[in-house]
Protein backbone atom coordinates (compact mmCIF):
# COMPACT_ATOMS: atom_id res chain seq x y z
CA UNK A 1 279.15 122.91 45.95
CA UNK A 2 275.99 120.90 45.23
CA UNK A 3 274.23 124.15 44.26
CA UNK A 4 276.92 124.83 41.67
CA UNK A 5 276.50 121.38 40.12
CA UNK A 6 272.73 121.73 40.01
CA UNK A 7 272.90 125.19 38.44
CA UNK A 8 275.46 124.08 35.86
CA UNK A 9 273.65 120.82 35.15
CA UNK A 10 270.30 122.57 34.72
CA UNK A 11 271.83 125.07 32.29
CA UNK A 12 273.43 122.32 30.21
CA UNK A 13 270.20 120.29 30.30
CA UNK A 14 268.28 123.32 28.98
CA UNK A 15 270.36 123.05 25.78
CA UNK A 16 268.91 119.60 25.12
CA UNK A 17 269.87 116.05 25.94
CA UNK A 18 270.96 114.72 29.29
CA UNK A 19 274.03 115.44 31.36
CA UNK A 20 276.10 113.77 34.03
CA UNK A 21 278.57 115.91 35.94
CA UNK A 22 281.52 114.09 37.45
CA UNK A 23 283.70 115.64 40.13
CA UNK A 24 287.38 114.78 40.28
CA UNK A 25 288.07 112.98 43.55
CA UNK A 26 290.62 114.30 46.03
CA UNK A 27 292.87 111.39 45.03
CA UNK A 28 292.79 112.74 41.44
CA UNK A 29 292.38 109.09 40.38
CA UNK A 30 288.59 108.88 40.40
CA UNK A 31 285.49 110.67 39.17
CA UNK A 32 282.43 110.98 41.39
CA UNK A 33 278.91 111.45 39.99
CA UNK A 34 277.72 114.80 41.33
CA UNK A 35 274.71 115.56 39.16
CA UNK A 36 272.53 113.62 36.72
CA UNK A 37 269.70 115.08 34.66
CA UNK A 38 268.13 111.74 33.76
CA UNK A 39 264.55 110.83 34.66
CA UNK A 40 264.14 109.58 38.25
CA UNK A 41 263.05 106.13 36.99
CA UNK A 42 266.32 105.70 35.09
CA UNK A 43 268.34 106.79 38.10
CA UNK A 44 266.49 104.25 40.28
CA UNK A 45 267.38 101.53 37.74
CA UNK A 46 271.06 102.51 38.02
CA UNK A 47 270.90 102.43 41.79
CA UNK A 48 269.27 99.02 41.81
CA UNK A 49 271.91 97.71 39.40
CA UNK A 50 274.90 99.05 41.36
CA UNK A 51 273.45 98.65 44.83
CA UNK A 52 274.44 102.21 45.69
CA UNK A 53 273.35 105.77 45.15
CA UNK A 54 273.92 107.12 41.62
CA UNK A 55 275.00 110.45 43.07
CA UNK A 56 278.30 109.84 44.79
CA UNK A 57 279.10 106.78 42.65
CA UNK A 58 282.87 106.65 42.13
CA UNK A 59 284.70 105.36 39.07
CA UNK A 60 288.46 104.96 38.70
CA UNK A 61 290.24 106.99 36.03
CA UNK A 62 293.15 105.45 34.18
CA UNK A 63 295.97 107.87 33.38
CA UNK A 64 295.67 106.75 29.74
CA UNK A 65 291.96 107.57 29.54
CA UNK A 66 290.33 110.41 27.64
CA UNK A 67 289.12 111.73 31.00
CA UNK A 68 292.66 112.07 32.38
CA UNK A 69 293.85 113.64 29.11
CA UNK A 70 291.06 116.23 29.07
CA UNK A 71 291.51 117.05 32.75
CA UNK A 72 295.27 117.49 32.31
CA UNK A 73 294.88 119.67 29.21
CA UNK A 74 291.86 121.54 30.61
CA UNK A 75 290.24 121.31 27.18
CA UNK A 76 286.81 120.12 26.07
CA UNK A 77 286.46 117.38 23.52
CA UNK A 78 283.53 116.17 21.43
CA UNK A 79 283.34 112.40 21.06
CA UNK A 80 281.25 110.71 18.39
CA UNK A 81 280.70 107.73 20.69
CA UNK A 82 281.10 108.29 24.42
CA UNK A 83 280.21 104.63 24.94
CA UNK A 84 283.76 103.24 24.65
CA UNK A 85 285.24 105.95 26.87
CA UNK A 86 282.55 105.38 29.46
CA UNK A 87 283.17 101.64 29.32
CA UNK A 88 286.93 102.12 29.67
CA UNK A 89 286.45 104.10 32.89
CA UNK A 90 285.37 100.95 34.72
CA UNK A 91 287.75 98.27 36.02
CA UNK A 92 287.58 95.02 34.06
CA UNK A 93 285.69 93.19 36.80
CA UNK A 94 282.90 95.81 36.72
CA UNK A 95 282.59 96.35 32.97
CA UNK A 96 279.46 94.21 32.87
CA UNK A 97 277.84 96.89 35.03
CA UNK A 98 279.16 99.63 32.75
CA UNK A 99 277.55 97.97 29.73
CA UNK A 100 274.17 97.89 31.51
CA UNK A 101 274.53 101.53 32.61
CA UNK A 102 275.38 102.54 29.02
CA UNK A 103 272.21 100.82 27.82
CA UNK A 104 269.99 102.34 30.52
CA UNK A 105 271.28 105.87 29.88
CA UNK A 106 271.44 105.44 26.10
CA UNK A 107 274.99 106.83 26.02
CA UNK A 108 275.93 108.18 22.59
CA UNK A 109 277.83 111.18 21.28
CA UNK A 110 278.76 113.86 23.72
CA UNK A 111 281.09 116.49 25.01
CA UNK A 112 283.67 115.84 27.67
CA UNK A 113 284.54 119.15 29.26
CA UNK A 114 286.53 119.78 32.42
CA UNK A 115 285.06 122.61 34.49
CA UNK A 116 286.83 124.20 37.44
CA UNK A 117 284.68 125.36 40.35
CA UNK A 118 286.08 127.35 43.23
CA UNK A 119 289.64 128.34 44.00
CA UNK A 120 292.64 126.18 44.51
CA UNK A 121 295.27 127.27 47.03
CA UNK A 122 298.65 127.67 45.32
CA UNK A 123 300.69 127.45 48.50
């Protein structure tokens, strides 16, 4: 699966800008960072700030969030400012970390697009 994220991430990156790919957790309540195209120095800053690896970092997803809405509808959405949606994905007690991550990554406008990889068993 990692190869799929790298291939997809590299293709998106080639269009310009940076990309973070988040995988929906098995609990369907969290997103897990699976790929980041940012410079290694920026990723190290994130890891120092959070005390954990950037890849594999898990954030909770509120059912009222734009992430849950886009996943449920299976539709992409352009957002003028991804900053607020990114911030809202963090629990209140960790929003101070979200603000720092937003600054480090220079989060701005972007596309939120659910992508399905692999097959899901229907039975």
